Amino acid sequence: METQENIVQVLNDLIEINNDRADGFDRASSDLQPENIDLKAIFEKFASDSRENSIQLAGLVGKNGDSPDDGNTILGTLHRAWIDVKASFGGNDRHSILAECERGEDAIKKAYRDALQHNDLGTEVREVLLKQQDGVSTGHDTIKALRDAQKAL
Protein backbone atom coordinates (compact mmCIF):
# COMPACT_ATOMS: atom_id res chain seq x y z
CA MET A 1 0.00 0.00 0.00
CA GLU A 2 2.85 2.39 0.77
CA THR A 3 4.22 1.90 -2.75
CA GLN A 4 0.86 2.84 -4.26
CA GLU A 5 0.66 5.94 -2.06
CA ASN A 6 4.18 6.90 -3.12
CA ILE A 7 3.29 6.51 -6.80
CA VAL A 8 0.16 8.64 -6.36
CA GLN A 9 2.17 11.35 -4.58
CA VAL A 10 4.80 11.42 -7.33
CA LEU A 11 2.10 11.62 -10.01
CA ASN A 12 0.16 14.33 -8.18
CA ASP A 13 3.32 16.41 -7.78
CA LEU A 14 3.91 16.14 -11.52
CA ILE A 15 0.28 17.04 -12.25
CA GLU A 16 0.69 20.21 -10.22
CA ILE A 17 3.95 21.31 -11.82
CA ASN A 18 2.50 20.60 -15.28
CA ASN A 19 -0.52 22.72 -14.36
CA ASP A 20 1.82 25.45 -13.12
CA ARG A 21 3.80 25.21 -16.38
CA ALA A 22 0.63 25.48 -18.48
CA ASP A 23 -0.52 28.50 -16.46
CA GLY A 24 2.93 30.08 -16.75
CA PHE A 25 3.05 29.74 -20.52
CA ASP A 26 -0.56 30.94 -20.83
CA ARG A 27 0.36 34.00 -18.79
CA ALA A 28 3.55 34.59 -20.77
CA SER A 29 1.62 34.27 -24.03
CA SER A 30 -1.02 36.77 -22.96
CA ASP A 31 1.61 39.27 -21.78
CA LEU A 32 3.58 39.30 -25.03
CA GLN A 33 4.16 42.63 -26.71
CA PRO A 34 3.66 42.84 -30.50
CA GLU A 35 7.40 42.58 -31.18
CA ASN A 36 7.48 39.18 -29.42
CA ILE A 37 4.31 37.72 -30.90
CA ASP A 38 6.35 35.02 -32.67
CA LEU A 39 6.70 33.34 -29.26
CA LYS A 40 2.94 32.95 -28.88
CA ALA A 41 2.61 29.68 -30.84
CA ILE A 42 5.57 28.16 -28.96
CA PHE A 43 4.16 29.12 -25.57
CA GLU A 44 0.68 27.88 -26.49
CA LYS A 45 2.10 24.52 -27.63
CA PHE A 46 4.04 24.03 -24.39
CA ALA A 47 0.96 24.96 -22.33
CA SER A 48 -1.10 22.45 -24.32
CA ASP A 49 1.59 19.77 -23.90
CA SER A 50 1.52 20.24 -20.13
CA ARG A 51 -2.27 20.05 -20.02
CA GLU A 52 -2.06 16.76 -21.94
CA ASN A 53 0.62 15.53 -19.53
CA SER A 54 -1.65 16.33 -16.59
CA ILE A 55 -4.51 14.38 -18.18
CA GLN A 56 -2.28 11.34 -18.72
CA LEU A 57 -0.93 11.56 -15.18
CA ALA A 58 -4.44 11.87 -13.76
CA GLY A 59 -5.37 8.65 -15.56
CA LEU A 60 -2.43 6.92 -13.91
CA VAL A 61 -3.49 8.22 -10.50
CA GLY A 62 -6.93 6.72 -11.13
CA LYS A 63 -5.38 3.39 -12.10
CA ASN A 64 -3.61 3.46 -8.76
CA GLY A 65 -6.90 3.78 -6.93
CA ASP A 66 -6.87 7.44 -6.01
CA SER A 67 -8.18 10.78 -7.23
CA PRO A 68 -5.79 13.25 -8.86
CA ASP A 69 -5.04 16.59 -7.25
CA ASP A 70 -6.68 19.48 -9.01
CA GLY A 71 -3.47 21.49 -9.06
CA ASN A 72 -4.79 24.38 -7.00
CA THR A 73 -2.56 23.77 -4.00
CA ILE A 74 1.22 23.83 -3.65
CA LEU A 75 2.65 20.57 -2.27
CA GLY A 76 6.31 21.40 -2.33
CA THR A 77 9.17 23.52 -3.47
CA LEU A 78 9.12 22.01 -6.96
CA HIS A 79 6.25 24.33 -7.83
CA ARG A 80 7.75 27.56 -6.54
CA ALA A 81 9.75 28.25 -9.66
CA TRP A 82 6.66 28.55 -11.86
CA ILE A 83 4.85 30.61 -9.27
CA ASP A 84 7.84 32.98 -9.29
CA VAL A 85 7.74 33.05 -13.07
CA LYS A 86 4.06 33.96 -13.11
CA ALA A 87 4.60 36.65 -10.47
CA SER A 88 7.68 38.19 -12.08
CA PHE A 89 6.54 38.74 -15.65
CA GLY A 90 6.81 42.46 -15.09
CA GLY A 91 9.63 42.71 -17.63
CA ASN A 92 8.42 42.76 -21.20
CA ASP A 93 11.72 42.50 -23.01
CA ARG A 94 12.24 39.28 -24.93
CA HIS A 95 15.33 38.17 -23.01
CA SER A 96 13.71 38.51 -19.57
CA ILE A 97 10.56 36.68 -20.71
CA LEU A 98 12.64 33.80 -22.08
CA ALA A 99 14.90 33.76 -19.02
CA GLU A 100 11.87 33.44 -16.71
CA CYS A 101 10.43 30.70 -18.91
CA GLU A 102 13.73 28.86 -18.76
CA ARG A 103 13.69 29.01 -14.95
CA GLY A 104 10.31 27.30 -15.04
CA GLU A 105 11.58 24.74 -17.53
CA ASP A 106 14.52 24.01 -15.22
CA ALA A 107 12.07 23.33 -12.39
CA ILE A 108 9.91 20.91 -14.37
CA LYS A 109 12.98 19.09 -15.71
CA LYS A 110 14.13 18.64 -12.11
CA ALA A 111 10.68 17.40 -11.09
CA TYR A 112 10.78 14.66 -13.72
CA ARG A 113 14.37 13.74 -12.85
CA ASP A 114 13.42 13.45 -9.18
CA ALA A 115 10.26 11.47 -9.95
CA LEU A 116 12.18 8.97 -12.04
CA GLN A 117 14.56 8.33 -9.14
CA HIS A 118 11.76 6.34 -7.47
CA ASN A 119 12.32 2.66 -8.11
CA ASP A 120 8.77 1.59 -7.27
CA LEU A 121 6.88 3.37 -10.06
CA GLY A 122 6.12 0.33 -12.17
CA THR A 123 6.68 -0.12 -15.88
CA GLU A 124 3.61 1.74 -17.19
CA VAL A 125 4.17 4.81 -15.01
CA ARG A 126 7.90 4.87 -15.78
CA GLU A 127 7.25 4.68 -19.55
CA VAL A 128 4.77 7.57 -19.43
CA LEU A 129 7.13 9.68 -17.32
CA LEU A 130 10.08 9.00 -19.62
CA LYS A 131 8.04 10.02 -22.67
CA GLN A 132 6.81 13.17 -20.95
CA GLN A 133 10.33 13.93 -19.77
CA ASP A 134 11.52 13.86 -23.38
CA GLY A 135 8.91 16.46 -24.30
CA VAL A 136 9.81 18.62 -21.32
CA SER A 137 13.51 18.43 -22.23
CA THR A 138 12.73 19.45 -25.80
CA GLY A 139 10.71 22.40 -24.50
CA HIS A 140 13.53 23.44 -22.20
CA ASP A 141 16.07 23.23 -25.01
CA THR A 142 13.85 25.32 -27.31
CA ILE A 143 13.40 28.05 -24.70
CA LYS A 144 17.11 28.02 -23.84
CA ALA A 145 18.10 28.30 -27.52
CA LEU A 146 15.71 31.22 -28.01
CA ARG A 147 17.05 32.93 -24.89
CA ASP A 148 20.66 32.37 -25.94
CA ALA A 149 19.95 33.69 -29.43
CA GLN A 150 18.41 36.81 -27.92
CA LYS A 151 21.36 37.31 -25.59
CA ALA A 152 23.71 37.16 -28.57
CA LEU A 153 21.96 40.12 -30.24
C-alpha atoms as a PDB file:
ATOM      1  CA  MET A   1       0.000   0.000   0.000  1.00  0.00           C
ATOM      2  CA  GLU A   2       2.851   2.388   0.766  1.00  0.00           C
ATOM      3  CA  THR A   3       4.219   1.903  -2.749  1.00  0.00           C
ATOM      4  CA  GLN A   4       0.865   2.841  -4.257  1.00  0.00           C
ATOM      5  CA  GLU A   5       0.657   5.941  -2.063  1.00  0.00           C
ATOM      6  CA  ASN A   6       4.176   6.903  -3.122  1.00  0.00           C
ATOM      7  CA  ILE A   7       3.286   6.508  -6.802  1.00  0.00           C
ATOM      8  CA  VAL A   8       0.164   8.638  -6.364  1.00  0.00           C
ATOM      9  CA  GLN A   9       2.168  11.354  -4.575  1.00  0.00           C
ATOM     10  CA  VAL A  10       4.798  11.425  -7.333  1.00  0.00           C
ATOM     11  CA  LEU A  11       2.096  11.621 -10.013  1.00  0.00           C
ATOM     12  CA  ASN A  12       0.162  14.334  -8.178  1.00  0.00           C
ATOM     13  CA  ASP A  13       3.324  16.412  -7.779  1.00  0.00           C
ATOM     14  CA  LEU A  14       3.912  16.144 -11.524  1.00  0.00           C
ATOM     15  CA  ILE A  15       0.285  17.041 -12.249  1.00  0.00           C
ATOM     16  CA  GLU A  16       0.690  20.205 -10.222  1.00  0.00           C
ATOM     17  CA  ILE A  17       3.946  21.312 -11.815  1.00  0.00           C
ATOM     18  CA  ASN A  18       2.501  20.601 -15.279  1.00  0.00           C
ATOM     19  CA  ASN A  19      -0.525  22.722 -14.360  1.00  0.00           C
ATOM     20  CA  ASP A  20       1.822  25.448 -13.120  1.00  0.00           C
ATOM     21  CA  ARG A  21       3.804  25.210 -16.379  1.00  0.00           C
ATOM     22  CA  ALA A  22       0.632  25.481 -18.481  1.00  0.00           C
ATOM     23  CA  ASP A  23      -0.518  28.501 -16.458  1.00  0.00           C
ATOM     24  CA  GLY A  24       2.934  30.075 -16.746  1.00  0.00           C
ATOM     25  CA  PHE A  25       3.048  29.736 -20.519  1.00  0.00           C
ATOM     26  CA  ASP A  26      -0.558  30.940 -20.832  1.00  0.00           C
ATOM     27  CA  ARG A  27       0.365  34.000 -18.787  1.00  0.00           C
ATOM     28  CA  ALA A  28       3.545  34.592 -20.771  1.00  0.00           C
ATOM     29  CA  SER A  29       1.622  34.274 -24.028  1.00  0.00           C
ATOM     30  CA  SER A  30      -1.024  36.770 -22.958  1.00  0.00           C
ATOM     31  CA  ASP A  31       1.615  39.270 -21.780  1.00  0.00           C
ATOM     32  CA  LEU A  32       3.580  39.297 -25.027  1.00  0.00           C
ATOM     33  CA  GLN A  33       4.163  42.629 -26.711  1.00  0.00           C
ATOM     34  CA  PRO A  34       3.659  42.838 -30.500  1.00  0.00           C
ATOM     35  CA  GLU A  35       7.398  42.583 -31.177  1.00  0.00           C
ATOM     36  CA  ASN A  36       7.484  39.181 -29.424  1.00  0.00           C
ATOM     37  CA  ILE A  37       4.310  37.718 -30.901  1.00  0.00           C
ATOM     38  CA  ASP A  38       6.348  35.018 -32.668  1.00  0.00           C
ATOM     39  CA  LEU A  39       6.704  33.339 -29.260  1.00  0.00           C
ATOM     40  CA  LYS A  40       2.937  32.954 -28.880  1.00  0.00           C
ATOM     41  CA  ALA A  41       2.614  29.679 -30.835  1.00  0.00           C
ATOM     42  CA  ILE A  42       5.567  28.159 -28.958  1.00  0.00           C
ATOM     43  CA  PHE A  43       4.163  29.120 -25.571  1.00  0.00           C
ATOM     44  CA  GLU A  44       0.684  27.878 -26.486  1.00  0.00           C
ATOM     45  CA  LYS A  45       2.103  24.522 -27.626  1.00  0.00           C
ATOM     46  CA  PHE A  46       4.037  24.026 -24.386  1.00  0.00           C
ATOM     47  CA  ALA A  47       0.963  24.957 -22.330  1.00  0.00           C
ATOM     48  CA  SER A  48      -1.095  22.452 -24.316  1.00  0.00           C
ATOM     49  CA  ASP A  49       1.593  19.773 -23.896  1.00  0.00           C
ATOM     50  CA  SER A  50       1.522  20.237 -20.129  1.00  0.00           C
ATOM     51  CA  ARG A  51      -2.271  20.051 -20.015  1.00  0.00           C
ATOM     52  CA  GLU A  52      -2.064  16.764 -21.938  1.00  0.00           C
ATOM     53  CA  ASN A  53       0.621  15.534 -19.532  1.00  0.00           C
ATOM     54  CA  SER A  54      -1.654  16.331 -16.593  1.00  0.00           C
ATOM     55  CA  ILE A  55      -4.515  14.375 -18.177  1.00  0.00           C
ATOM     56  CA  GLN A  56      -2.283  11.338 -18.721  1.00  0.00           C
ATOM     57  CA  LEU A  57      -0.929  11.558 -15.183  1.00  0.00           C
ATOM     58  CA  ALA A  58      -4.438  11.869 -13.757  1.00  0.00           C
ATOM     59  CA  GLY A  59      -5.371   8.654 -15.556  1.00  0.00           C
ATOM     60  CA  LEU A  60      -2.432   6.916 -13.910  1.00  0.00           C
ATOM     61  CA  VAL A  61      -3.491   8.221 -10.501  1.00  0.00           C
ATOM     62  CA  GLY A  62      -6.935   6.721 -11.131  1.00  0.00           C
ATOM     63  CA  LYS A  63      -5.382   3.387 -12.101  1.00  0.00           C
ATOM     64  CA  ASN A  64      -3.606   3.458  -8.762  1.00  0.00           C
ATOM     65  CA  GLY A  65      -6.901   3.777  -6.926  1.00  0.00           C
ATOM     66  CA  ASP A  66      -6.869   7.442  -6.011  1.00  0.00           C
ATOM     67  CA  SER A  67      -8.179  10.782  -7.232  1.00  0.00           C
ATOM     68  CA  PRO A  68      -5.785  13.253  -8.857  1.00  0.00           C
ATOM     69  CA  ASP A  69      -5.039  16.594  -7.247  1.00  0.00           C
ATOM     70  CA  ASP A  70      -6.681  19.483  -9.013  1.00  0.00           C
ATOM     71  CA  GLY A  71      -3.465  21.490  -9.064  1.00  0.00           C
ATOM     72  CA  ASN A  72      -4.790  24.375  -6.997  1.00  0.00           C
ATOM     73  CA  THR A  73      -2.556  23.772  -4.001  1.00  0.00           C
ATOM     74  CA  ILE A  74       1.222  23.826  -3.646  1.00  0.00           C
ATOM     75  CA  LEU A  75       2.652  20.573  -2.272  1.00  0.00           C
ATOM     76  CA  GLY A  76       6.310  21.397  -2.331  1.00  0.00           C
ATOM     77  CA  THR A  77       9.167  23.515  -3.470  1.00  0.00           C
ATOM     78  CA  LEU A  78       9.116  22.011  -6.965  1.00  0.00           C
ATOM     79  CA  HIS A  79       6.251  24.330  -7.829  1.00  0.00           C
ATOM     80  CA  ARG A  80       7.753  27.559  -6.535  1.00  0.00           C
ATOM     81  CA  ALA A  81       9.752  28.251  -9.658  1.00  0.00           C
ATOM     82  CA  TRP A  82       6.662  28.554 -11.861  1.00  0.00           C
ATOM     83  CA  ILE A  83       4.846  30.609  -9.272  1.00  0.00           C
ATOM     84  CA  ASP A  84       7.838  32.978  -9.288  1.00  0.00           C
ATOM     85  CA  VAL A  85       7.736  33.045 -13.074  1.00  0.00           C
ATOM     86  CA  LYS A  86       4.061  33.962 -13.112  1.00  0.00           C
ATOM     87  CA  ALA A  87       4.603  36.655 -10.468  1.00  0.00           C
ATOM     88  CA  SER A  88       7.678  38.187 -12.078  1.00  0.00           C
ATOM     89  CA  PHE A  89       6.540  38.745 -15.649  1.00  0.00           C
ATOM     90  CA  GLY A  90       6.806  42.462 -15.094  1.00  0.00           C
ATOM     91  CA  GLY A  91       9.629  42.705 -17.628  1.00  0.00           C
ATOM     92  CA  ASN A  92       8.418  42.758 -21.197  1.00  0.00           C
ATOM     93  CA  ASP A  93      11.715  42.499 -23.013  1.00  0.00           C
ATOM     94  CA  ARG A  94      12.241  39.281 -24.926  1.00  0.00           C
ATOM     95  CA  HIS A  95      15.330  38.170 -23.013  1.00  0.00           C
ATOM     96  CA  SER A  96      13.709  38.513 -19.572  1.00  0.00           C
ATOM     97  CA  ILE A  97      10.563  36.675 -20.709  1.00  0.00           C
ATOM     98  CA  LEU A  98      12.637  33.800 -22.080  1.00  0.00           C
ATOM     99  CA  ALA A  99      14.899  33.762 -19.015  1.00  0.00           C
ATOM    100  CA  GLU A 100      11.872  33.440 -16.712  1.00  0.00           C
ATOM    101  CA  CYS A 101      10.434  30.702 -18.913  1.00  0.00           C
ATOM    102  CA  GLU A 102      13.731  28.856 -18.761  1.00  0.00           C
ATOM    103  CA  ARG A 103      13.688  29.011 -14.950  1.00  0.00           C
ATOM    104  CA  GLY A 104      10.312  27.303 -15.038  1.00  0.00           C
ATOM    105  CA  GLU A 105      11.576  24.741 -17.527  1.00  0.00           C
ATOM    106  CA  ASP A 106      14.522  24.014 -15.218  1.00  0.00           C
ATOM    107  CA  ALA A 107      12.065  23.328 -12.392  1.00  0.00           C
ATOM    108  CA  ILE A 108       9.908  20.906 -14.372  1.00  0.00           C
ATOM    109  CA  LYS A 109      12.977  19.090 -15.714  1.00  0.00           C
ATOM    110  CA  LYS A 110      14.133  18.635 -12.114  1.00  0.00           C
ATOM    111  CA  ALA A 111      10.683  17.401 -11.088  1.00  0.00           C
ATOM    112  CA  TYR A 112      10.782  14.660 -13.715  1.00  0.00           C
ATOM    113  CA  ARG A 113      14.370  13.738 -12.847  1.00  0.00           C
ATOM    114  CA  ASP A 114      13.415  13.452  -9.180  1.00  0.00           C
ATOM    115  CA  ALA A 115      10.262  11.469  -9.948  1.00  0.00           C
ATOM    116  CA  LEU A 116      12.179   8.969 -12.044  1.00  0.00           C
ATOM    117  CA  GLN A 117      14.560   8.326  -9.139  1.00  0.00           C
ATOM    118  CA  HIS A 118      11.761   6.343  -7.472  1.00  0.00           C
ATOM    119  CA  ASN A 119      12.321   2.656  -8.115  1.00  0.00           C
ATOM    120  CA  ASP A 120       8.773   1.594  -7.269  1.00  0.00           C
ATOM    121  CA  LEU A 121       6.876   3.370 -10.064  1.00  0.00           C
ATOM    122  CA  GLY A 122       6.116   0.329 -12.168  1.00  0.00           C
ATOM    123  CA  THR A 123       6.677  -0.116 -15.876  1.00  0.00           C
ATOM    124  CA  GLU A 124       3.609   1.738 -17.185  1.00  0.00           C
ATOM    125  CA  VAL A 125       4.166   4.813 -15.012  1.00  0.00           C
ATOM    126  CA  ARG A 126       7.897   4.874 -15.778  1.00  0.00           C
ATOM    127  CA  GLU A 127       7.252   4.680 -19.547  1.00  0.00           C
ATOM    128  CA  VAL A 128       4.770   7.572 -19.426  1.00  0.00           C
ATOM    129  CA  LEU A 129       7.135   9.679 -17.323  1.00  0.00           C
ATOM    130  CA  LEU A 130      10.082   9.003 -19.624  1.00  0.00           C
ATOM    131  CA  LYS A 131       8.037  10.019 -22.671  1.00  0.00           C
ATOM    132  CA  GLN A 132       6.811  13.171 -20.949  1.00  0.00           C
ATOM    133  CA  GLN A 133      10.332  13.933 -19.772  1.00  0.00           C
ATOM    134  CA  ASP A 134      11.517  13.862 -23.385  1.00  0.00           C
ATOM    135  CA  GLY A 135       8.906  16.462 -24.303  1.00  0.00           C
ATOM    136  CA  VAL A 136       9.812  18.622 -21.319  1.00  0.00           C
ATOM    137  CA  SER A 137      13.514  18.431 -22.229  1.00  0.00           C
ATOM    138  CA  THR A 138      12.728  19.455 -25.800  1.00  0.00           C
ATOM    139  CA  GLY A 139      10.707  22.395 -24.496  1.00  0.00           C
ATOM    140  CA  HIS A 140      13.528  23.439 -22.202  1.00  0.00           C
ATOM    141  CA  ASP A 141      16.072  23.233 -25.008  1.00  0.00           C
ATOM    142  CA  THR A 142      13.849  25.316 -27.307  1.00  0.00           C
ATOM    143  CA  ILE A 143      13.400  28.055 -24.703  1.00  0.00           C
ATOM    144  CA  LYS A 144      17.105  28.021 -23.838  1.00  0.00           C
ATOM    145  CA  ALA A 145      18.099  28.302 -27.518  1.00  0.00           C
ATOM    146  CA  LEU A 146      15.712  31.216 -28.014  1.00  0.00           C
ATOM    147  CA  ARG A 147      17.045  32.934 -24.892  1.00  0.00           C
ATOM    148  CA  ASP A 148      20.663  32.366 -25.938  1.00  0.00           C
ATOM    149  CA  ALA A 149      19.953  33.692 -29.429  1.00  0.00           C
ATOM    150  CA  GLN A 150      18.405  36.808 -27.923  1.00  0.00           C
ATOM    151  CA  LYS A 151      21.361  37.313 -25.589  1.00  0.00           C
ATOM    152  CA  ALA A 152      23.711  37.161 -28.573  1.00  0.00           C
ATOM    153  CA  LEU A 153      21.958  40.125 -30.239  1.00  0.00           C
END
